[in-house]
Amino acid sequence: LGYILAGVLVGPYINFMPTVTDHKSITIWAEIGVIFLLFSLGLEFSFKKLVKVGGSASITAIVEVVFMLLIGFGVGKMLGWSTMDSIFLGGILSVSSTTIIIRAFEELGVKHKKFAGLVFGVLIVEDLVAILLLVLLSTLAVSQQFAGTEMLISILKLAFFLVLWFLAGIFLIPTFLKATKKLMNDETMLIVSLALCLVMVLLAVKVGFSPALGAFIMGSILAETTQAEKIEHLTKSVKDLFAAIFFVSVGMLIDPSILIEYALPIVAVTLATVLGKLISSSLGALLSGQPLKTSVQAGMSLAQIGEFSFIIATLGVTLKVTSDFLYPIAVAASAITTFTT
């Protein structure tokens, strides 16, 4: 929370102290922060754990995403926004912030609780759904209609990528690390781990997916190796550094004047996010067979938006199909829901 406030103070919208005005550089460093955060999450959440919570997480995530798409569209229409703005708002509200949740869990010391495992699984499923959502929204924005061909291609590419993930996780990477174990000191292990992470990030981007997904996948591959704990320890300082940069950059994107001008929509979107995600995630977890306490804890944990929401909002602005106010409203709602988290 302090990082976000620091970002507001040094951002381009407040001039009583030296400010940072290069938005492109801020965005790049923030993306690097997300990459290393997702990489560290992958190290703690291996393929075996994914399979273990896969059913419950999938049901919870699907219920939540569908519910929030409808809620977002409805709120947009109630505010008098265009159909395209409302559709994109639904997309923005449908995906929770992996970065914010990881950081909150670390600060509260609850990463190893039962509900945290469910939340991590939901976040992974959400990230996969978000990738398909980006394809769908891009197609809708360009053609003004839903096209099934692009969606099918995206699903096939995702399936190929997941098969590659499985094969690399079972055979290639563990064998490589085992064979080179005696040759690696701590510095070499750190460099090799980060290099593997960035290679998978590059591959994910080339295939058409998010860098965050590639980073998470490589982290989960390394989590299956005998060096997992050592790699996690070595990369912790790198993760902490770029996590701080990510949250400061979110603060830099907040324009205080926008908060005043669009106060009512921001309050409406924030309430829709918190209440909608709490109810839908809790309901989804209950339907998947989780106990009431775990379901409510998961619902409360997921009640915010973050980096993927920024990507969806940016997509609409870039394609010139949404209004300019949508992005700052998304950032403001994300900042407020970060505090509530």
Protein backbone atom coordinates (compact mmCIF):
# COMPACT_ATOMS: atom_id res chain seq x y z
CA LEU A 1 0.00 0.00 0.00
CA GLY A 2 2.89 2.32 0.79
CA TYR A 3 4.35 1.61 -2.65
CA ILE A 4 1.14 2.75 -4.36
CA LEU A 5 1.05 5.97 -2.31
CA ALA A 6 4.72 6.57 -3.13
CA GLY A 7 3.89 6.09 -6.81
CA VAL A 8 1.13 8.70 -6.60
CA LEU A 9 3.53 11.19 -4.98
CA VAL A 10 6.33 10.76 -7.54
CA GLY A 11 4.00 10.32 -10.52
CA PRO A 12 3.49 12.87 -13.29
CA TYR A 13 0.25 14.28 -11.84
CA ILE A 14 1.69 15.76 -8.61
CA ASN A 15 4.33 18.45 -9.05
CA PHE A 16 5.48 19.48 -5.57
CA MET A 17 8.41 17.03 -5.70
CA PRO A 18 10.62 15.56 -8.49
CA THR A 19 8.44 13.39 -10.72
CA VAL A 20 8.82 10.53 -13.18
CA THR A 21 7.09 11.26 -16.49
CA ASP A 22 8.25 8.48 -18.84
CA HIS A 23 5.15 6.25 -18.89
CA LYS A 24 6.71 3.75 -21.32
CA SER A 25 9.64 3.00 -19.01
CA ILE A 26 7.29 2.73 -16.02
CA THR A 27 5.15 0.19 -17.88
CA ILE A 28 8.16 -1.88 -18.96
CA TRP A 29 9.54 -2.12 -15.42
CA ALA A 30 6.08 -3.00 -14.11
CA GLU A 31 5.81 -5.84 -16.65
CA ILE A 32 9.19 -7.16 -15.52
CA GLY A 33 7.90 -7.04 -11.95
CA VAL A 34 4.85 -9.10 -12.88
CA ILE A 35 7.09 -11.64 -14.66
CA PHE A 36 9.24 -12.27 -11.58
CA LEU A 37 6.25 -12.34 -9.25
CA LEU A 38 4.56 -14.99 -11.39
CA PHE A 39 7.84 -16.89 -11.66
CA SER A 40 8.09 -17.01 -7.85
CA LEU A 41 4.46 -18.11 -7.57
CA GLY A 42 5.19 -20.96 -10.00
CA LEU A 43 8.11 -22.06 -7.81
CA GLU A 44 5.75 -22.41 -4.86
CA PHE A 45 2.84 -23.92 -6.77
CA SER A 46 4.05 -26.97 -8.68
CA PHE A 47 2.28 -29.03 -11.33
CA LYS A 48 1.27 -31.64 -8.74
CA LYS A 49 -0.44 -28.98 -6.63
CA LEU A 50 -2.17 -27.65 -9.75
CA VAL A 51 -3.64 -31.07 -10.47
CA LYS A 52 -4.69 -31.42 -6.81
CA VAL A 53 -6.80 -28.24 -6.75
CA GLY A 54 -7.58 -28.19 -10.47
CA GLY A 55 -11.24 -29.25 -10.26
CA SER A 56 -12.27 -26.91 -7.45
CA ALA A 57 -10.23 -24.03 -8.85
CA SER A 58 -11.67 -24.44 -12.35
CA ILE A 59 -15.30 -24.47 -11.16
CA THR A 60 -14.71 -21.48 -8.86
CA ALA A 61 -12.93 -19.49 -11.58
CA ILE A 62 -15.54 -20.19 -14.28
CA VAL A 63 -18.45 -19.22 -12.00
CA GLU A 64 -16.64 -16.04 -10.97
CA VAL A 65 -15.60 -14.98 -14.49
CA VAL A 66 -19.06 -15.52 -16.00
CA PHE A 67 -20.75 -13.72 -13.10
CA MET A 68 -18.36 -10.74 -13.24
CA LEU A 69 -18.68 -10.42 -17.03
CA LEU A 70 -22.44 -10.03 -16.56
CA ILE A 71 -22.07 -7.70 -13.56
CA GLY A 72 -19.57 -5.49 -15.39
CA PHE A 73 -21.78 -5.23 -18.46
CA GLY A 74 -24.80 -4.42 -16.29
CA VAL A 75 -22.97 -1.72 -14.29
CA GLY A 76 -21.69 -0.15 -17.51
CA LYS A 77 -25.19 0.03 -18.95
CA MET A 78 -26.58 1.45 -15.69
CA LEU A 79 -23.97 4.22 -15.88
CA GLY A 80 -25.10 5.02 -19.42
CA TRP A 81 -21.94 3.77 -21.12
CA SER A 82 -21.79 2.39 -24.66
CA THR A 83 -22.14 -1.33 -25.32
CA MET A 84 -18.42 -1.69 -26.09
CA ASP A 85 -17.40 0.17 -22.90
CA SER A 86 -19.73 -2.10 -20.91
CA ILE A 87 -18.36 -5.28 -22.50
CA PHE A 88 -14.79 -4.23 -21.77
CA LEU A 89 -15.76 -3.31 -18.19
CA GLY A 90 -17.05 -6.86 -17.76
CA GLY A 91 -13.68 -8.16 -18.96
CA ILE A 92 -11.82 -5.78 -16.65
CA LEU A 93 -13.79 -6.94 -13.59
CA SER A 94 -13.56 -10.65 -14.39
CA VAL A 95 -9.87 -11.19 -13.56
CA SER A 96 -8.36 -10.80 -10.08
CA SER A 97 -4.83 -9.51 -9.48
CA THR A 98 -2.29 -12.29 -8.99
CA THR A 99 0.38 -9.75 -8.05
CA ILE A 100 -1.65 -8.03 -5.33
CA ILE A 101 -2.91 -11.30 -3.84
CA ILE A 102 0.56 -12.85 -3.66
CA ARG A 103 1.91 -9.76 -1.94
CA ALA A 104 -1.01 -9.62 0.52
CA PHE A 105 -0.65 -13.32 1.36
CA GLU A 106 3.08 -12.87 1.97
CA GLU A 107 2.52 -9.93 4.30
CA LEU A 108 -0.21 -11.78 6.22
CA GLY A 109 1.71 -15.08 6.32
CA VAL A 110 -1.17 -17.16 4.95
CA LYS A 111 0.40 -18.56 1.77
CA HIS A 112 0.29 -22.12 3.06
CA LYS A 113 -3.32 -22.08 4.31
CA LYS A 114 -5.87 -24.31 2.59
CA PHE A 115 -7.84 -21.43 1.06
CA ALA A 116 -4.61 -19.92 -0.33
CA GLY A 117 -4.02 -23.06 -2.40
CA LEU A 118 -7.52 -22.75 -3.84
CA VAL A 119 -6.99 -19.03 -4.56
CA PHE A 120 -3.71 -19.71 -6.39
CA GLY A 121 -5.46 -22.34 -8.50
CA VAL A 122 -8.29 -19.93 -9.33
CA LEU A 123 -5.76 -17.25 -10.32
CA ILE A 124 -4.04 -19.63 -12.72
CA VAL A 125 -7.33 -20.64 -14.35
CA GLU A 126 -8.31 -16.95 -14.51
CA ASP A 127 -5.06 -16.11 -16.28
CA LEU A 128 -5.76 -18.79 -18.89
CA VAL A 129 -9.33 -17.51 -19.31
CA ALA A 130 -8.03 -13.93 -19.53
CA ILE A 131 -5.83 -14.90 -22.47
CA LEU A 132 -8.86 -16.26 -24.34
CA LEU A 133 -10.81 -13.18 -23.27
CA LEU A 134 -8.17 -10.90 -24.80
CA VAL A 135 -8.47 -12.79 -28.09
CA LEU A 136 -12.27 -12.57 -27.98
CA LEU A 137 -12.34 -8.85 -27.13
CA SER A 138 -9.74 -8.08 -29.80
CA THR A 139 -11.80 -9.91 -32.40
CA LEU A 140 -15.01 -8.24 -31.23
CA ALA A 141 -13.40 -4.80 -31.27
CA VAL A 142 -12.02 -5.17 -34.78
CA SER A 143 -14.94 -6.95 -36.48
CA GLN A 144 -17.79 -5.85 -34.15
CA GLN A 145 -18.88 -9.50 -34.01
CA PHE A 146 -17.78 -12.73 -32.34
CA ALA A 147 -15.58 -14.90 -34.56
CA GLY A 148 -15.13 -18.54 -33.55
CA THR A 149 -12.11 -19.29 -35.74
CA GLU A 150 -9.70 -17.05 -33.83
CA MET A 151 -10.95 -18.44 -30.53
CA LEU A 152 -10.43 -22.05 -31.72
CA ILE A 153 -6.90 -21.24 -32.90
CA SER A 154 -6.13 -19.64 -29.55
CA ILE A 155 -7.42 -22.69 -27.65
CA LEU A 156 -5.31 -25.02 -29.81
CA LYS A 157 -2.22 -22.88 -29.24
CA LEU A 158 -2.88 -22.90 -25.51
CA ALA A 159 -3.24 -26.70 -25.54
CA PHE A 160 0.07 -27.01 -27.42
CA PHE A 161 1.76 -24.69 -24.94
CA LEU A 162 0.46 -26.69 -21.96
CA VAL A 163 1.67 -29.97 -23.50
CA LEU A 164 5.09 -28.38 -24.00
CA TRP A 165 4.96 -27.27 -20.36
CA PHE A 166 4.20 -30.81 -19.20
CA LEU A 167 6.95 -32.44 -21.28
CA ALA A 168 9.56 -29.89 -20.24
CA GLY A 169 8.53 -30.22 -16.61
CA ILE A 170 8.74 -34.01 -16.59
CA PHE A 171 11.79 -34.65 -18.76
CA LEU A 172 13.98 -31.80 -19.98
CA ILE A 173 14.56 -29.26 -17.20
CA PRO A 174 14.94 -31.70 -14.25
CA THR A 175 17.41 -33.79 -16.27
CA PHE A 176 19.42 -30.70 -17.23
CA LEU A 177 19.64 -29.42 -13.65
CA LYS A 178 20.56 -32.85 -12.31
CA ALA A 179 23.35 -33.26 -14.87
CA THR A 180 24.82 -29.82 -14.17
CA LYS A 181 24.32 -29.78 -10.39
CA LYS A 182 28.03 -30.06 -9.56
CA LEU A 183 28.93 -27.25 -11.96
CA MET A 184 26.60 -24.65 -10.46
CA ASN A 185 27.33 -22.35 -7.57
CA ASP A 186 24.66 -19.96 -6.24
CA GLU A 187 25.39 -17.19 -8.75
CA THR A 188 25.30 -19.56 -11.72
CA MET A 189 22.08 -21.17 -10.49
CA LEU A 190 20.44 -17.74 -10.17
CA ILE A 191 21.49 -16.70 -13.67
CA VAL A 192 20.39 -20.02 -15.21
CA SER A 193 17.02 -19.88 -13.42
CA LEU A 194 16.29 -16.33 -14.59
CA ALA A 195 17.46 -17.21 -18.11
CA LEU A 196 15.09 -20.19 -18.24
CA CYS A 197 12.28 -17.95 -17.00
CA LEU A 198 12.93 -15.34 -19.69
CA VAL A 199 13.22 -18.01 -22.42
CA MET A 200 9.76 -19.32 -21.51
CA VAL A 201 8.44 -15.74 -21.36
CA LEU A 202 9.78 -15.13 -24.88
CA LEU A 203 8.23 -18.38 -26.13
CA ALA A 204 4.87 -17.46 -24.58
CA VAL A 205 4.91 -14.03 -26.24
CA LYS A 206 5.86 -15.55 -29.62
CA VAL A 207 2.94 -18.00 -29.38
CA GLY A 208 0.63 -15.11 -28.51
CA PHE A 209 0.19 -15.45 -24.75
CA SER A 210 1.07 -13.16 -21.87
CA PRO A 211 4.63 -12.96 -20.47
CA ALA A 212 3.14 -13.62 -17.02
CA LEU A 213 1.83 -17.04 -18.11
CA GLY A 214 5.24 -18.03 -19.49
CA ALA A 215 6.96 -16.96 -16.27
CA PHE A 216 4.50 -18.91 -14.14
CA ILE A 217 4.91 -22.04 -16.26
CA MET A 218 8.71 -22.02 -15.97
CA GLY A 219 8.42 -21.46 -12.22
CA SER A 220 6.13 -24.47 -11.89
CA ILE A 221 8.52 -26.56 -14.02
CA LEU A 222 11.45 -25.69 -11.75
CA ALA A 223 9.25 -26.46 -8.73
CA GLU A 224 9.29 -30.12 -9.81
CA THR A 225 13.10 -30.29 -9.64
CA THR A 226 15.36 -31.12 -6.70
CA GLN A 227 16.71 -27.54 -6.76
CA ALA A 228 13.31 -25.87 -6.23
CA GLU A 229 13.88 -24.57 -2.68
CA LYS A 230 17.35 -23.28 -3.53
CA ILE A 231 16.09 -21.45 -6.64
CA GLU A 232 13.20 -19.94 -4.67
CA HIS A 233 15.63 -18.63 -2.04
CA LEU A 234 18.04 -17.22 -4.64
CA THR A 235 15.35 -15.38 -6.62
CA LYS A 236 13.53 -13.87 -3.63
CA SER A 237 15.48 -10.60 -3.66
CA VAL A 238 14.89 -10.17 -7.40
CA LYS A 239 11.16 -10.75 -6.92
CA ASP A 240 10.94 -8.29 -4.03
CA LEU A 241 12.73 -5.57 -6.01
CA PHE A 242 10.49 -5.77 -9.07
CA ALA A 243 7.32 -6.27 -7.00
CA ALA A 244 8.03 -2.90 -5.40
CA ILE A 245 8.55 -1.35 -8.83
CA PHE A 246 5.22 -2.78 -10.04
CA PHE A 247 3.20 -1.27 -7.20
CA VAL A 248 4.96 2.09 -7.46
CA SER A 249 4.14 2.14 -11.18
CA VAL A 250 0.44 1.49 -10.44
CA GLY A 251 0.48 4.53 -8.16
CA MET A 252 2.14 6.60 -10.89
CA LEU A 253 -0.76 5.88 -13.23
CA ILE A 254 -3.34 7.35 -10.84
CA ASP A 255 -4.43 10.90 -11.66
CA PRO A 256 -6.06 12.44 -8.53
CA SER A 257 -8.18 14.78 -10.69
CA ILE A 258 -9.72 11.76 -12.46
CA LEU A 259 -10.72 10.33 -9.07
CA ILE A 260 -12.74 13.49 -8.41
CA GLU A 261 -14.23 13.84 -11.90
CA TYR A 262 -15.38 10.21 -12.12
CA ALA A 263 -16.06 9.63 -8.42
CA LEU A 264 -19.50 8.04 -8.93
CA PRO A 265 -18.43 5.50 -11.61
CA ILE A 266 -15.33 4.62 -9.55
CA VAL A 267 -17.45 3.95 -6.45
CA ALA A 268 -19.93 1.89 -8.51
CA VAL A 269 -17.17 -0.17 -10.17
CA THR A 270 -15.38 -0.69 -6.85
CA LEU A 271 -18.54 -1.90 -5.08
CA ALA A 272 -19.38 -4.17 -8.03
CA THR A 273 -15.87 -5.62 -7.87
CA VAL A 274 -15.77 -6.28 -4.13
CA LEU A 275 -19.34 -7.55 -3.68
CA GLY A 276 -19.55 -9.34 -7.04
CA LYS A 277 -16.29 -11.23 -6.62
CA LEU A 278 -16.97 -12.05 -2.97
CA ILE A 279 -20.37 -13.56 -3.80
CA SER A 280 -19.43 -15.28 -7.08
CA SER A 281 -16.12 -16.74 -5.85
CA SER A 282 -17.66 -17.98 -2.61
CA LEU A 283 -20.57 -19.51 -4.52
CA GLY A 284 -18.23 -21.15 -7.04
CA ALA A 285 -16.07 -22.61 -4.26
CA LEU A 286 -19.15 -23.96 -2.47
CA LEU A 287 -20.39 -25.55 -5.70
CA SER A 288 -16.98 -27.20 -6.13
CA GLY A 289 -17.32 -28.89 -2.72
CA GLN A 290 -15.27 -26.56 -0.52
CA PRO A 291 -16.42 -25.84 3.07
CA LEU A 292 -18.13 -22.51 3.82
CA LYS A 293 -15.17 -20.97 5.68
CA THR A 294 -12.68 -21.78 2.92
CA SER A 295 -15.13 -20.53 0.27
CA VAL A 296 -15.68 -17.17 1.97
CA GLN A 297 -11.94 -16.74 2.62
CA ALA A 298 -11.25 -17.41 -1.06
CA GLY A 299 -14.01 -15.00 -2.11
CA MET A 300 -12.63 -12.21 0.07
CA SER A 301 -9.10 -12.83 -1.23
CA LEU A 302 -10.18 -12.57 -4.88
CA ALA A 303 -12.18 -9.34 -4.44
CA GLN A 304 -9.96 -7.00 -6.44
CA ILE A 305 -8.63 -6.31 -9.95
CA GLY A 306 -5.09 -5.68 -11.17
CA GLU A 307 -2.56 -6.18 -13.93
CA PHE A 308 -4.69 -8.22 -16.38
CA SER A 309 -7.48 -5.67 -15.98
CA PHE A 310 -5.01 -2.95 -16.97
CA ILE A 311 -4.07 -4.98 -20.05
CA ILE A 312 -7.73 -5.36 -21.07
CA ALA A 313 -8.41 -1.66 -20.48
CA THR A 314 -5.31 -0.72 -22.49
CA LEU A 315 -6.46 -2.98 -25.33
CA GLY A 316 -9.73 -1.09 -25.65
CA VAL A 317 -7.98 2.30 -25.70
CA THR A 318 -5.33 1.08 -28.17
CA LEU A 319 -7.95 -0.27 -30.57
CA LYS A 320 -9.93 2.99 -30.12
CA VAL A 321 -13.16 1.16 -29.27
CA THR A 322 -13.55 2.33 -25.65
CA SER A 323 -13.74 5.75 -24.01
CA ASP A 324 -10.61 7.36 -22.56
CA PHE A 325 -12.05 7.35 -19.03
CA LEU A 326 -12.20 3.54 -18.80
CA TYR A 327 -8.48 3.00 -18.08
CA PRO A 328 -8.14 5.53 -15.21
CA ILE A 329 -11.36 4.20 -13.67
CA ALA A 330 -9.92 0.67 -13.81
CA VAL A 331 -6.66 1.84 -12.20
CA ALA A 332 -8.54 3.75 -9.47
CA ALA A 333 -10.80 0.77 -8.72
CA SER A 334 -7.74 -1.48 -8.59
CA ALA A 335 -5.99 0.87 -6.15
CA ILE A 336 -9.04 1.06 -3.87
CA THR A 337 -9.64 -2.71 -3.93
CA THR A 338 -5.95 -3.20 -3.12
CA PHE A 339 -6.58 -1.33 0.14
CA THR A 340 -9.69 -3.44 0.85
CA THR A 341 -7.72 -6.63 0.19
